[in-house]
Amino acid sequence: MVVPEIKNSEEFRQLIGSYFTTIKPLNDKTGCCIAEIKVSNYCELSYVITNMLKLCALALDHETPGISNMARDSSIDIALILKVVMQLLPLDEIEFMDEINKMLIMNPNSTDL
């Protein structure tokens, strides 16, 4: 994506708004934000959460009898967990930071910002 030349702070705000899309602020006074994952229904959401919990429990203590039995009795869908993690990566924001970096390296003496 080509970043247009920025002439004022409002253009900069608009540019930021087009890139910073991974987290969205809550409309309350907590200062917290929301990161979303896409699922097709409640069953898939339950499946994702269950697999994340199994993986975490197994990673914490694979020697605990209950955990070891759980791991043997049902497989953990690592691919699903990795897909969810990929959804949470702030790719737009990373691209924006790269564009800002290019602007500053290519024109370090600019006073436009």
C-alpha atoms as a PDB file:
ATOM      1  CA  MET A   1       0.000   0.000   0.000  1.00  0.00           C
ATOM      2  CA  VAL A   2       1.371   3.391  -0.992  1.00  0.00           C
ATOM      3  CA  VAL A   3       1.111   6.042   1.692  1.00  0.00           C
ATOM      4  CA  PRO A   4       0.220   9.507   0.376  1.00  0.00           C
ATOM      5  CA  GLU A   5       2.200  12.552   1.430  1.00  0.00           C
ATOM      6  CA  ILE A   6       0.917  13.813   4.779  1.00  0.00           C
ATOM      7  CA  LYS A   7       0.404  17.562   4.999  1.00  0.00           C
ATOM      8  CA  ASN A   8      -1.287  17.982   8.370  1.00  0.00           C
ATOM      9  CA  SER A   9      -2.301  16.183  11.534  1.00  0.00           C
ATOM     10  CA  GLU A  10      -5.835  15.427  10.276  1.00  0.00           C
ATOM     11  CA  GLU A  11      -4.443  13.563   7.263  1.00  0.00           C
ATOM     12  CA  PHE A  12      -2.162  11.697   9.639  1.00  0.00           C
ATOM     13  CA  ARG A  13      -5.146  10.719  11.824  1.00  0.00           C
ATOM     14  CA  GLN A  14      -7.025   9.463   8.764  1.00  0.00           C
ATOM     15  CA  LEU A  15      -4.010   7.433   7.705  1.00  0.00           C
ATOM     16  CA  ILE A  16      -3.713   5.917  11.169  1.00  0.00           C
ATOM     17  CA  GLY A  17      -7.425   5.038  11.121  1.00  0.00           C
ATOM     18  CA  SER A  18      -7.026   3.063   7.905  1.00  0.00           C
ATOM     19  CA  TYR A  19      -4.237   0.911   9.374  1.00  0.00           C
ATOM     20  CA  PHE A  20      -5.019   0.450  13.066  1.00  0.00           C
ATOM     21  CA  THR A  21      -7.790  -2.116  12.710  1.00  0.00           C
ATOM     22  CA  THR A  22      -6.786  -5.126  14.817  1.00  0.00           C
ATOM     23  CA  ILE A  23      -7.985  -3.765  18.153  1.00  0.00           C
ATOM     24  CA  LYS A  24     -10.951  -1.499  18.706  1.00  0.00           C
ATOM     25  CA  PRO A  25     -11.513   0.617  21.815  1.00  0.00           C
ATOM     26  CA  LEU A  26     -14.477  -0.180  24.041  1.00  0.00           C
ATOM     27  CA  ASN A  27     -17.042   2.573  24.347  1.00  0.00           C
ATOM     28  CA  ASP A  28     -16.619   2.854  28.094  1.00  0.00           C
ATOM     29  CA  LYS A  29     -14.200   4.507  30.471  1.00  0.00           C
ATOM     30  CA  THR A  30     -11.970   1.474  31.129  1.00  0.00           C
ATOM     31  CA  GLY A  31      -9.457   2.242  28.395  1.00  0.00           C
ATOM     32  CA  CYS A  32      -9.629  -1.370  27.232  1.00  0.00           C
ATOM     33  CA  CYS A  33      -9.807  -2.590  23.651  1.00  0.00           C
ATOM     34  CA  ILE A  34     -11.286  -5.598  21.851  1.00  0.00           C
ATOM     35  CA  ALA A  35      -9.467  -7.968  19.484  1.00  0.00           C
ATOM     36  CA  GLU A  36     -11.817 -10.202  17.514  1.00  0.00           C
ATOM     37  CA  ILE A  37     -11.483 -13.700  16.134  1.00  0.00           C
ATOM     38  CA  LYS A  38     -13.800 -15.019  13.451  1.00  0.00           C
ATOM     39  CA  VAL A  39     -15.751 -18.203  14.115  1.00  0.00           C
ATOM     40  CA  SER A  40     -18.710 -19.639  12.241  1.00  0.00           C
ATOM     41  CA  ASN A  41     -20.814 -20.577  15.296  1.00  0.00           C
ATOM     42  CA  TYR A  42     -20.791 -21.344  19.019  1.00  0.00           C
ATOM     43  CA  CYS A  43     -19.618 -24.911  18.424  1.00  0.00           C
ATOM     44  CA  GLU A  44     -16.515 -23.694  16.633  1.00  0.00           C
ATOM     45  CA  LEU A  45     -15.874 -21.132  19.381  1.00  0.00           C
ATOM     46  CA  SER A  46     -16.170 -23.881  21.986  1.00  0.00           C
ATOM     47  CA  TYR A  47     -13.826 -26.086  19.947  1.00  0.00           C
ATOM     48  CA  VAL A  48     -11.236 -23.299  19.708  1.00  0.00           C
ATOM     49  CA  ILE A  49     -11.386 -22.549  23.437  1.00  0.00           C
ATOM     50  CA  THR A  50     -11.227 -26.243  24.363  1.00  0.00           C
ATOM     51  CA  ASN A  51      -8.171 -26.816  22.189  1.00  0.00           C
ATOM     52  CA  MET A  52      -6.418 -23.745  23.595  1.00  0.00           C
ATOM     53  CA  LEU A  53      -7.067 -24.919  27.141  1.00  0.00           C
ATOM     54  CA  LYS A  54      -5.854 -28.452  26.376  1.00  0.00           C
ATOM     55  CA  LEU A  55      -2.682 -27.124  24.793  1.00  0.00           C
ATOM     56  CA  CYS A  56      -1.986 -24.790  27.704  1.00  0.00           C
ATOM     57  CA  ALA A  57      -2.651 -27.514  30.281  1.00  0.00           C
ATOM     58  CA  LEU A  58      -0.406 -29.926  28.419  1.00  0.00           C
ATOM     59  CA  ALA A  59       2.344 -27.314  28.130  1.00  0.00           C
ATOM     60  CA  LEU A  60       2.189 -26.547  31.846  1.00  0.00           C
ATOM     61  CA  ASP A  61       2.562 -30.075  33.087  1.00  0.00           C
ATOM     62  CA  HIS A  62       2.584 -33.008  30.705  1.00  0.00           C
ATOM     63  CA  GLU A  63       3.443 -35.380  33.580  1.00  0.00           C
ATOM     64  CA  THR A  64       0.237 -34.778  35.569  1.00  0.00           C
ATOM     65  CA  PRO A  65      -1.889 -37.955  35.209  1.00  0.00           C
ATOM     66  CA  GLY A  66      -5.121 -36.135  34.316  1.00  0.00           C
ATOM     67  CA  ILE A  67      -3.397 -34.009  31.708  1.00  0.00           C
ATOM     68  CA  SER A  68      -1.542 -36.945  30.176  1.00  0.00           C
ATOM     69  CA  ASN A  69      -4.776 -38.938  29.877  1.00  0.00           C
ATOM     70  CA  MET A  70      -6.538 -35.968  28.327  1.00  0.00           C
ATOM     71  CA  ALA A  71      -3.781 -35.631  25.732  1.00  0.00           C
ATOM     72  CA  ARG A  72      -3.938 -39.334  24.877  1.00  0.00           C
ATOM     73  CA  ASP A  73      -7.739 -39.461  24.751  1.00  0.00           C
ATOM     74  CA  SER A  74      -8.251 -36.518  22.423  1.00  0.00           C
ATOM     75  CA  SER A  75      -6.007 -34.780  19.970  1.00  0.00           C
ATOM     76  CA  ILE A  76      -5.282 -31.093  20.151  1.00  0.00           C
ATOM     77  CA  ASP A  77      -5.949 -29.220  16.923  1.00  0.00           C
ATOM     78  CA  ILE A  78      -2.735 -27.218  16.729  1.00  0.00           C
ATOM     79  CA  ALA A  79      -3.577 -25.936  13.231  1.00  0.00           C
ATOM     80  CA  LEU A  80      -6.796 -24.388  14.541  1.00  0.00           C
ATOM     81  CA  ILE A  81      -4.979 -22.661  17.388  1.00  0.00           C
ATOM     82  CA  LEU A  82      -2.367 -21.294  14.983  1.00  0.00           C
ATOM     83  CA  LYS A  83      -5.122 -19.960  12.688  1.00  0.00           C
ATOM     84  CA  VAL A  84      -6.662 -18.100  15.626  1.00  0.00           C
ATOM     85  CA  VAL A  85      -3.282 -16.656  16.567  1.00  0.00           C
ATOM     86  CA  MET A  86      -2.814 -15.523  12.950  1.00  0.00           C
ATOM     87  CA  GLN A  87      -6.133 -13.626  13.179  1.00  0.00           C
ATOM     88  CA  LEU A  88      -4.829 -11.774  16.222  1.00  0.00           C
ATOM     89  CA  LEU A  89      -1.600 -10.587  14.602  1.00  0.00           C
ATOM     90  CA  PRO A  90      -1.819  -6.827  13.983  1.00  0.00           C
ATOM     91  CA  LEU A  91      -0.753  -7.024  10.321  1.00  0.00           C
ATOM     92  CA  ASP A  92      -2.252  -3.669   9.291  1.00  0.00           C
ATOM     93  CA  GLU A  93      -0.528  -1.951  12.177  1.00  0.00           C
ATOM     94  CA  ILE A  94       2.787  -3.609  11.342  1.00  0.00           C
ATOM     95  CA  GLU A  95       2.440  -2.444   7.735  1.00  0.00           C
ATOM     96  CA  PHE A  96       1.711   1.082   8.966  1.00  0.00           C
ATOM     97  CA  MET A  97       4.790   1.101  11.166  1.00  0.00           C
ATOM     98  CA  ASP A  98       6.827  -0.024   8.180  1.00  0.00           C
ATOM     99  CA  GLU A  99       5.442   2.857   6.109  1.00  0.00           C
ATOM    100  CA  ILE A 100       6.223   5.370   8.867  1.00  0.00           C
ATOM    101  CA  ASN A 101       9.716   3.926   9.117  1.00  0.00           C
ATOM    102  CA  LYS A 102      10.196   4.348   5.351  1.00  0.00           C
ATOM    103  CA  MET A 103       8.972   7.938   5.514  1.00  0.00           C
ATOM    104  CA  LEU A 104      11.351   8.818   8.332  1.00  0.00           C
ATOM    105  CA  ILE A 105      14.351   7.083   6.765  1.00  0.00           C
ATOM    106  CA  MET A 106      13.714   8.503   3.295  1.00  0.00           C
ATOM    107  CA  ASN A 107      13.046  12.024   4.556  1.00  0.00           C
ATOM    108  CA  PRO A 108      14.501  12.377   8.059  1.00  0.00           C
ATOM    109  CA  ASN A 109      14.601  16.201   7.991  1.00  0.00           C
ATOM    110  CA  SER A 110      10.937  16.672   7.063  1.00  0.00           C
ATOM    111  CA  THR A 111       8.843  18.881   9.345  1.00  0.00           C
ATOM    112  CA  ASP A 112       5.494  17.880   7.754  1.00  0.00           C
ATOM    113  CA  LEU A 113       4.512  15.611  10.663  1.00  0.00           C
END
